[in-house]
Each structure stands twice: as structure tokens, then as C-alpha cells.
Amino acid sequence: MERARYGVERLQDAPDGQWHVRKISATSAAKTYKCPGCGQFIKPGIEHVVAWRADHWSGDSASAEARRHWHPKCWESRSYKY
């Protein structure tokens, strides 16, 4: 059941491009990451999202290496830079 809610990536279109977005459940969150939206840390055990560009100019592998972990509210309310 958890696999149905988390871990499956989806494509999201936004003004700043197309993004792969994956939800990470609290039980799967095992590392500490710094949220690019607020600059605060996402500690292990905190549900969050991982996002990376689907239209990266240097390809999918470079895009996956540049993925970032976000608080869900920070991802939803991020400002788009043109």
C-alpha cells in the first residue's frame, strides 16, 4: 500500500519546466537533506519530496544527479525563476 502512495514518480509541468517528482515516506526517509526552498534541514523520518528536471539540457543522468529534496510545502510554494 505504501508503494502506491510513495516512491512512484510523476511528471509535473510548471512555469519553470517539467519536473519528475517523487514522494518519500517518513519510514523511507533515512538521511538528512537541506531543503533548497527554506534552507532548513529535512531530518530522517520526515516525509518529503524529491524533484529533478525532466527537461535538463544535459540529459537524464545529469538531471538525476542534480535532484533535490524539498519539504512538501516548500515545493508547492516555490517561486519560479525565469
PDB file of N, CA and C in Angstrom:
ATOM      1  N   MET A   1       0.812  -1.185   0.000  1.00  0.00           N
ATOM      2  CA  MET A   1       0.000   0.000   0.000  1.00  0.00           C
ATOM      3  C   MET A   1       0.862   1.258   0.000  1.00  0.00           C
ATOM      4  N   GLU A   2       1.941   1.242   0.794  1.00  0.00           N
ATOM      5  CA  GLU A   2       2.807   2.418   0.843  1.00  0.00           C
ATOM      6  C   GLU A   2       3.412   2.714  -0.525  1.00  0.00           C
ATOM      7  N   ARG A   3       3.740   1.694  -1.284  1.00  0.00           N
ATOM      8  CA  ARG A   3       4.311   1.878  -2.620  1.00  0.00           C
ATOM      9  C   ARG A   3       3.340   2.630  -3.525  1.00  0.00           C
ATOM     10  N   ALA A   4       2.052   2.429  -3.319  1.00  0.00           N
ATOM     11  CA  ALA A   4       1.049   3.121  -4.124  1.00  0.00           C
ATOM     12  C   ALA A   4       1.009   4.609  -3.798  1.00  0.00           C
ATOM     13  N   ARG A   5       1.307   4.970  -2.555  1.00  0.00           N
ATOM     14  CA  ARG A   5       1.272   6.380  -2.148  1.00  0.00           C
ATOM     15  C   ARG A   5       2.617   7.069  -2.286  1.00  0.00           C
ATOM     16  N   TYR A   6       3.705   6.331  -2.140  1.00  0.00           N
ATOM     17  CA  TYR A   6       5.049   6.907  -2.130  1.00  0.00           C
ATOM     18  C   TYR A   6       5.951   6.164  -3.106  1.00  0.00           C
ATOM     19  N   GLY A   7       7.017   6.809  -3.499  1.00  0.00           N
ATOM     20  CA  GLY A   7       8.040   6.145  -4.291  1.00  0.00           C
ATOM     21  C   GLY A   7       7.780   6.102  -5.775  1.00  0.00           C
ATOM     22  N   VAL A   8       6.578   6.424  -6.201  1.00  0.00           N
ATOM     23  CA  VAL A   8       6.269   6.426  -7.628  1.00  0.00           C
ATOM     24  C   VAL A   8       6.426   7.852  -8.126  1.00  0.00           C
ATOM     25  N   GLU A   9       7.292   8.022  -9.102  1.00  0.00           N
ATOM     26  CA  GLU A   9       7.497   9.379  -9.598  1.00  0.00           C
ATOM     27  C   GLU A   9       6.408   9.757 -10.583  1.00  0.00           C
ATOM     28  N   ARG A  10       6.128  11.042 -10.614  1.00  0.00           N
ATOM     29  CA  ARG A  10       5.155  11.570 -11.566  1.00  0.00           C
ATOM     30  C   ARG A  10       5.768  12.773 -12.250  1.00  0.00           C
ATOM     31  N   LEU A  11       5.275  13.103 -13.420  1.00  0.00           N
ATOM     32  CA  LEU A  11       5.727  14.294 -14.128  1.00  0.00           C
ATOM     33  C   LEU A  11       4.848  15.463 -13.739  1.00  0.00           C
ATOM     34  N   GLN A  12       5.471  16.592 -13.509  1.00  0.00           N
ATOM     35  CA  GLN A  12       4.742  17.796 -13.143  1.00  0.00           C
ATOM     36  C   GLN A  12       5.200  18.934 -14.053  1.00  0.00           C
ATOM     37  N   ASP A  13       4.247  19.546 -14.740  1.00  0.00           N
ATOM     38  CA  ASP A  13       4.531  20.714 -15.562  1.00  0.00           C
ATOM     39  C   ASP A  13       4.404  21.960 -14.708  1.00  0.00           C
ATOM     40  N   ALA A  14       5.367  22.864 -14.846  1.00  0.00           N
ATOM     41  CA  ALA A  14       5.371  24.112 -14.084  1.00  0.00           C
ATOM     42  C   ALA A  14       5.920  25.218 -14.978  1.00  0.00           C
ATOM     43  N   PRO A  15       5.731  26.468 -14.590  1.00  0.00           N
ATOM     44  CA  PRO A  15       6.271  27.574 -15.391  1.00  0.00           C
ATOM     45  C   PRO A  15       7.785  27.489 -15.603  1.00  0.00           C
ATOM     46  N   ASP A  16       8.496  26.823 -14.693  1.00  0.00           N
ATOM     47  CA  ASP A  16       9.951  26.706 -14.832  1.00  0.00           C
ATOM     48  C   ASP A  16      10.381  25.398 -15.486  1.00  0.00           C
ATOM     49  N   GLY A  17       9.467  24.696 -16.121  1.00  0.00           N
ATOM     50  CA  GLY A  17       9.806  23.477 -16.848  1.00  0.00           C
ATOM     51  C   GLY A  17       9.041  22.268 -16.354  1.00  0.00           C
ATOM     52  N   GLN A  18       9.475  21.131 -16.836  1.00  0.00           N
ATOM     53  CA  GLN A  18       8.839  19.874 -16.461  1.00  0.00           C
ATOM     54  C   GLN A  18       9.730  19.172 -15.440  1.00  0.00           C
ATOM     55  N   TRP A  19       9.104  18.606 -14.412  1.00  0.00           N
ATOM     56  CA  TRP A  19       9.826  18.007 -13.296  1.00  0.00           C
ATOM     57  C   TRP A  19       9.359  16.584 -13.016  1.00  0.00           C
ATOM     58  N   HIS A  20      10.305  15.741 -12.631  1.00  0.00           N
ATOM     59  CA  HIS A  20       9.992  14.448 -12.031  1.00  0.00           C
ATOM     60  C   HIS A  20       9.844  14.723 -10.546  1.00  0.00           C
ATOM     61  N   VAL A  21       8.777  14.241  -9.941  1.00  0.00           N
ATOM     62  CA  VAL A  21       8.539  14.460  -8.516  1.00  0.00           C
ATOM     63  C   VAL A  21       8.183  13.123  -7.877  1.00  0.00           C
ATOM     64  N   ARG A  22       8.839  12.827  -6.767  1.00  0.00           N
ATOM     65  CA  ARG A  22       8.575  11.576  -6.043  1.00  0.00           C
ATOM     66  C   ARG A  22       8.387  11.891  -4.564  1.00  0.00           C
ATOM     67  N   LYS A  23       7.328  11.361  -3.974  1.00  0.00           N
ATOM     68  CA  LYS A  23       7.113  11.499  -2.529  1.00  0.00           C
ATOM     69  C   LYS A  23       7.960  10.460  -1.804  1.00  0.00           C
ATOM     70  N   ILE A  24       8.565  10.875  -0.710  1.00  0.00           N
ATOM     71  CA  ILE A  24       9.340   9.977   0.145  1.00  0.00           C
ATOM     72  C   ILE A  24       8.607   9.886   1.483  1.00  0.00           C
ATOM     73  N   SER A  25       8.262   8.682   1.877  1.00  0.00           N
ATOM     74  CA  SER A  25       7.535   8.499   3.141  1.00  0.00           C
ATOM     75  C   SER A  25       8.466   8.697   4.327  1.00  0.00           C
ATOM     76  N   ALA A  26       7.886   8.929   5.474  1.00  0.00           N
ATOM     77  CA  ALA A  26       8.668   9.101   6.694  1.00  0.00           C
ATOM     78  C   ALA A  26       9.493   7.851   7.005  1.00  0.00           C
ATOM     79  N   THR A  27       8.945   6.678   6.739  1.00  0.00           N
ATOM     80  CA  THR A  27       9.677   5.445   7.036  1.00  0.00           C
ATOM     81  C   THR A  27      10.819   5.206   6.051  1.00  0.00           C
ATOM     82  N   SER A  28      10.744   5.794   4.857  1.00  0.00           N
ATOM     83  CA  SER A  28      11.809   5.642   3.863  1.00  0.00           C
ATOM     84  C   SER A  28      12.856   6.747   3.947  1.00  0.00           C
ATOM     85  N   ALA A  29      12.574   7.799   4.674  1.00  0.00           N
ATOM     86  CA  ALA A  29      13.498   8.934   4.786  1.00  0.00           C
ATOM     87  C   ALA A  29      14.583   8.596   5.798  1.00  0.00           C
ATOM     88  N   ALA A  30      15.778   8.265   5.298  1.00  0.00           N
ATOM     89  CA  ALA A  30      16.834   7.781   6.178  1.00  0.00           C
ATOM     90  C   ALA A  30      18.020   8.726   6.310  1.00  0.00           C
ATOM     91  N   LYS A  31      18.079   9.784   5.515  1.00  0.00           N
ATOM     92  CA  LYS A  31      19.214  10.708   5.540  1.00  0.00           C
ATOM     93  C   LYS A  31      18.740  12.123   5.846  1.00  0.00           C
ATOM     94  N   THR A  32      19.700  12.988   6.113  1.00  0.00           N
ATOM     95  CA  THR A  32      19.416  14.407   6.313  1.00  0.00           C
ATOM     96  C   THR A  32      19.724  15.140   5.007  1.00  0.00           C
ATOM     97  N   TYR A  33      18.812  16.005   4.594  1.00  0.00           N
ATOM     98  CA  TYR A  33      18.974  16.808   3.386  1.00  0.00           C
ATOM     99  C   TYR A  33      18.661  18.261   3.719  1.00  0.00           C
ATOM    100  N   LYS A  34      19.207  19.168   2.943  1.00  0.00           N
ATOM    101  CA  LYS A  34      18.905  20.586   3.113  1.00  0.00           C
ATOM    102  C   LYS A  34      17.896  20.995   2.055  1.00  0.00           C
ATOM    103  N   CYS A  35      16.762  21.509   2.480  1.00  0.00           N
ATOM    104  CA  CYS A  35      15.699  21.928   1.571  1.00  0.00           C
ATOM    105  C   CYS A  35      16.138  23.206   0.850  1.00  0.00           C
ATOM    106  N   PRO A  36      16.122  23.211  -0.491  1.00  0.00           N
ATOM    107  CA  PRO A  36      16.505  24.428  -1.212  1.00  0.00           C
ATOM    108  C   PRO A  36      15.475  25.539  -1.100  1.00  0.00           C
ATOM    109  N   GLY A  37      14.280  25.222  -0.673  1.00  0.00           N
ATOM    110  CA  GLY A  37      13.236  26.226  -0.554  1.00  0.00           C
ATOM    111  C   GLY A  37      13.384  27.112   0.666  1.00  0.00           C
ATOM    112  N   CYS A  38      13.661  26.503   1.817  1.00  0.00           N
ATOM    113  CA  CYS A  38      13.727  27.263   3.065  1.00  0.00           C
ATOM    114  C   CYS A  38      15.109  27.263   3.700  1.00  0.00           C
ATOM    115  N   GLY A  39      15.997  26.394   3.209  1.00  0.00           N
ATOM    116  CA  GLY A  39      17.340  26.321   3.760  1.00  0.00           C
ATOM    117  C   GLY A  39      17.442  25.525   5.054  1.00  0.00           C
ATOM    118  N   GLN A  40      16.318  24.972   5.518  1.00  0.00           N
ATOM    119  CA  GLN A  40      16.310  24.167   6.740  1.00  0.00           C
ATOM    120  C   GLN A  40      16.590  22.704   6.396  1.00  0.00           C
ATOM    121  N   PHE A  41      16.977  21.947   7.402  1.00  0.00           N
ATOM    122  CA  PHE A  41      17.272  20.537   7.174  1.00  0.00           C
ATOM    123  C   PHE A  41      16.020  19.675   7.248  1.00  0.00           C
ATOM    124  N   ILE A  42      15.991  18.670   6.395  1.00  0.00           N
ATOM    125  CA  ILE A  42      14.959  17.630   6.420  1.00  0.00           C
ATOM    126  C   ILE A  42      15.635  16.434   7.088  1.00  0.00           C
ATOM    127  N   LYS A  43      15.228  16.128   8.280  1.00  0.00           N
ATOM    128  CA  LYS A  43      15.888  15.073   9.050  1.00  0.00           C
ATOM    129  C   LYS A  43      15.284  13.707   8.735  1.00  0.00           C
ATOM    130  N   PRO A  44      16.005  12.634   9.057  1.00  0.00           N
ATOM    131  CA  PRO A  44      15.455  11.287   8.858  1.00  0.00           C
ATOM    132  C   PRO A  44      14.107  11.150   9.562  1.00  0.00           C
ATOM    133  N   GLY A  45      13.200  10.448   8.916  1.00  0.00           N
ATOM    134  CA  GLY A  45      11.877  10.228   9.482  1.00  0.00           C
ATOM    135  C   GLY A  45      10.870  11.302   9.118  1.00  0.00           C
ATOM    136  N   ILE A  46      11.272  12.277   8.281  1.00  0.00           N
ATOM    137  CA  ILE A  46      10.364  13.348   7.860  1.00  0.00           C
ATOM    138  C   ILE A  46       9.944  13.116   6.415  1.00  0.00           C
ATOM    139  N   GLU A  47       8.643  13.073   6.191  1.00  0.00           N
ATOM    140  CA  GLU A  47       8.113  12.922   4.833  1.00  0.00           C
ATOM    141  C   GLU A  47       8.523  14.140   3.999  1.00  0.00           C
ATOM    142  N   HIS A  48       8.930  13.908   2.749  1.00  0.00           N
ATOM    143  CA  HIS A  48       9.332  15.000   1.869  1.00  0.00           C
ATOM    144  C   HIS A  48       9.189  14.593   0.407  1.00  0.00           C
ATOM    145  N   VAL A  49       9.556  15.481  -0.496  1.00  0.00           N
ATOM    146  CA  VAL A  49       9.520  15.163  -1.930  1.00  0.00           C
ATOM    147  C   VAL A  49      10.916  15.328  -2.511  1.00  0.00           C
ATOM    148  N   VAL A  50      11.179  14.552  -3.553  1.00  0.00           N
ATOM    149  CA  VAL A  50      12.408  14.669  -4.324  1.00  0.00           C
ATOM    150  C   VAL A  50      11.996  15.136  -5.709  1.00  0.00           C
ATOM    151  N   ALA A  51      12.690  16.142  -6.220  1.00  0.00           N
ATOM    152  CA  ALA A  51      12.349  16.679  -7.536  1.00  0.00           C
ATOM    153  C   ALA A  51      13.609  16.862  -8.377  1.00  0.00           C
ATOM    154  N   TRP A  52      13.477  16.577  -9.679  1.00  0.00           N
ATOM    155  CA  TRP A  52      14.556  16.818 -10.618  1.00  0.00           C
ATOM    156  C   TRP A  52      13.950  17.099 -11.987  1.00  0.00           C
ATOM    157  N   ARG A  53      14.655  17.887 -12.764  1.00  0.00           N
ATOM    158  CA  ARG A  53      14.140  18.341 -14.055  1.00  0.00           C
ATOM    159  C   ARG A  53      13.942  17.173 -15.021  1.00  0.00           C
ATOM    160  N   ALA A  54      12.849  17.205 -15.738  1.00  0.00           N
ATOM    161  CA  ALA A  54      12.593  16.210 -16.781  1.00  0.00           C
ATOM    162  C   ALA A  54      13.120  16.705 -18.116  1.00  0.00           C
ATOM    163  N   ASP A  55      13.433  17.993 -18.187  1.00  0.00           N
ATOM    164  CA  ASP A  55      13.896  18.587 -19.445  1.00  0.00           C
ATOM    165  C   ASP A  55      15.292  19.192 -19.296  1.00  0.00           C
ATOM    166  N   HIS A  56      16.147  18.511 -18.544  1.00  0.00           N
ATOM    167  CA  HIS A  56      17.511  19.000 -18.297  1.00  0.00           C
ATOM    168  C   HIS A  56      18.288  19.017 -19.606  1.00  0.00           C
ATOM    169  N   TRP A  57      19.020  20.084 -19.849  1.00  0.00           N
ATOM    170  CA  TRP A  57      19.732  20.252 -21.119  1.00  0.00           C
ATOM    171  C   TRP A  57      20.828  19.222 -21.345  1.00  0.00           C
ATOM    172  N   SER A  58      21.368  18.621 -20.288  1.00  0.00           N
ATOM    173  CA  SER A  58      22.452  17.654 -20.482  1.00  0.00           C
ATOM    174  C   SER A  58      22.019  16.201 -20.276  1.00  0.00           C
ATOM    175  N   GLY A  59      20.710  15.954 -20.242  1.00  0.00           N
ATOM    176  CA  GLY A  59      20.220  14.585 -20.212  1.00  0.00           C
ATOM    177  C   GLY A  59      19.726  14.110 -18.861  1.00  0.00           C
ATOM    178  N   ASP A  60      19.152  12.917 -18.893  1.00  0.00           N
ATOM    179  CA  ASP A  60      18.509  12.347 -17.716  1.00  0.00           C
ATOM    180  C   ASP A  60      19.472  12.027 -16.578  1.00  0.00           C
ATOM    181  N   SER A  61      20.659  11.524 -16.885  1.00  0.00           N
ATOM    182  CA  SER A  61      21.570  11.161 -15.799  1.00  0.00           C
ATOM    183  C   SER A  61      22.069  12.404 -15.060  1.00  0.00           C
ATOM    184  N   ALA A  62      22.363  13.471 -15.786  1.00  0.00           N
ATOM    185  CA  ALA A  62      22.775  14.722 -15.136  1.00  0.00           C
ATOM    186  C   ALA A  62      21.625  15.289 -14.319  1.00  0.00           C
ATOM    187  N   SER A  63      20.421  15.162 -14.832  1.00  0.00           N
ATOM    188  CA  SER A  63      19.248  15.649 -14.123  1.00  0.00           C
ATOM    189  C   SER A  63      19.050  14.888 -12.811  1.00  0.00           C
ATOM    190  N   ALA A  64      19.183  13.569 -12.865  1.00  0.00           N
ATOM    191  CA  ALA A  64      19.007  12.754 -11.658  1.00  0.00           C
ATOM    192  C   ALA A  64      20.077  13.079 -10.616  1.00  0.00           C
ATOM    193  N   GLU A  65      21.291  13.386 -11.056  1.00  0.00           N
ATOM    194  CA  GLU A  65      22.355  13.750 -10.125  1.00  0.00           C
ATOM    195  C   GLU A  65      22.091  15.097  -9.471  1.00  0.00           C
ATOM    196  N   ALA A  66      21.308  15.945 -10.132  1.00  0.00           N
ATOM    197  CA  ALA A  66      21.005  17.280  -9.611  1.00  0.00           C
ATOM    198  C   ALA A  66      19.698  17.313  -8.824  1.00  0.00           C
ATOM    199  N   ARG A  67      19.121  16.156  -8.510  1.00  0.00           N
ATOM    200  CA  ARG A  67      17.839  16.140  -7.793  1.00  0.00           C
ATOM    201  C   ARG A  67      17.997  16.745  -6.403  1.00  0.00           C
ATOM    202  N   ARG A  68      16.908  17.291  -5.909  1.00  0.00           N
ATOM    203  CA  ARG A  68      16.900  17.942  -4.609  1.00  0.00           C
ATOM    204  C   ARG A  68      15.720  17.456  -3.779  1.00  0.00           C
ATOM    205  N   HIS A  69      15.921  17.446  -2.480  1.00  0.00           N
ATOM    206  CA  HIS A  69      14.901  17.019  -1.528  1.00  0.00           C
ATOM    207  C   HIS A  69      14.266  18.267  -0.927  1.00  0.00           C
ATOM    208  N   TRP A  70      12.943  18.329  -0.945  1.00  0.00           N
ATOM    209  CA  TRP A  70      12.179  19.500  -0.532  1.00  0.00           C
ATOM    210  C   TRP A  70      11.150  19.132   0.527  1.00  0.00           C
ATOM    211  N   HIS A  71      10.865  20.084   1.428  1.00  0.00           N
ATOM    212  CA  HIS A  71       9.665  19.962   2.255  1.00  0.00           C
ATOM    213  C   HIS A  71       8.476  20.086   1.304  1.00  0.00           C
ATOM    214  N   PRO A  72       7.409  19.339   1.501  1.00  0.00           N
ATOM    215  CA  PRO A  72       6.261  19.429   0.588  1.00  0.00           C
ATOM    216  C   PRO A  72       5.719  20.852   0.432  1.00  0.00           C
ATOM    217  N   LYS A  73       5.588  21.600   1.519  1.00  0.00           N
ATOM    218  CA  LYS A  73       5.073  22.975   1.429  1.00  0.00           C
ATOM    219  C   LYS A  73       6.035  23.878   0.672  1.00  0.00           C
ATOM    220  N   CYS A  74       7.331  23.676   0.851  1.00  0.00           N
ATOM    221  CA  CYS A  74       8.324  24.483   0.122  1.00  0.00           C
ATOM    222  C   CYS A  74       8.247  24.188  -1.375  1.00  0.00           C
ATOM    223  N   TRP A  75       8.082  22.925  -1.742  1.00  0.00           N
ATOM    224  CA  TRP A  75       7.979  22.567  -3.151  1.00  0.00           C
ATOM    225  C   TRP A  75       6.721  23.182  -3.761  1.00  0.00           C
ATOM    226  N   GLU A  76       5.610  23.068  -3.064  1.00  0.00           N
ATOM    227  CA  GLU A  76       4.343  23.583  -3.587  1.00  0.00           C
ATOM    228  C   GLU A  76       4.333  25.107  -3.697  1.00  0.00           C
ATOM    229  N   SER A  77       5.059  25.788  -2.836  1.00  0.00           N
ATOM    230  CA  SER A  77       5.013  27.252  -2.831  1.00  0.00           C
ATOM    231  C   SER A  77       6.282  27.898  -3.379  1.00  0.00           C
ATOM    232  N   ARG A  78       7.129  27.118  -4.035  1.00  0.00           N
ATOM    233  CA  ARG A  78       8.384  27.692  -4.542  1.00  0.00           C
ATOM    234  C   ARG A  78       8.100  28.792  -5.561  1.00  0.00           C
ATOM    235  N   SER A  79       9.015  29.714  -5.657  1.00  0.00           N
ATOM    236  CA  SER A  79       8.873  30.767  -6.655  1.00  0.00           C
ATOM    237  C   SER A  79       9.594  30.321  -7.911  1.00  0.00           C
ATOM    238  N   TYR A  80       9.051  30.661  -9.034  1.00  0.00           N
ATOM    239  CA  TYR A  80       9.621  30.256 -10.314  1.00  0.00           C
ATOM    240  C   TYR A  80      10.565  31.345 -10.807  1.00  0.00           C
ATOM    241  N   LYS A  81      11.760  30.962 -11.152  1.00  0.00           N
ATOM    242  CA  LYS A  81      12.756  31.915 -11.635  1.00  0.00           C
ATOM    243  C   LYS A  81      12.877  31.736 -13.149  1.00  0.00           C
ATOM    244  N   TYR A  82      12.670  32.819 -13.862  1.00  0.00           N
ATOM    245  CA  TYR A  82      12.708  32.741 -15.325  1.00  0.00           C
ATOM    246  C   TYR A  82      14.036  33.190 -15.852  1.00  0.00           C
TER     247      TYR A  82
END
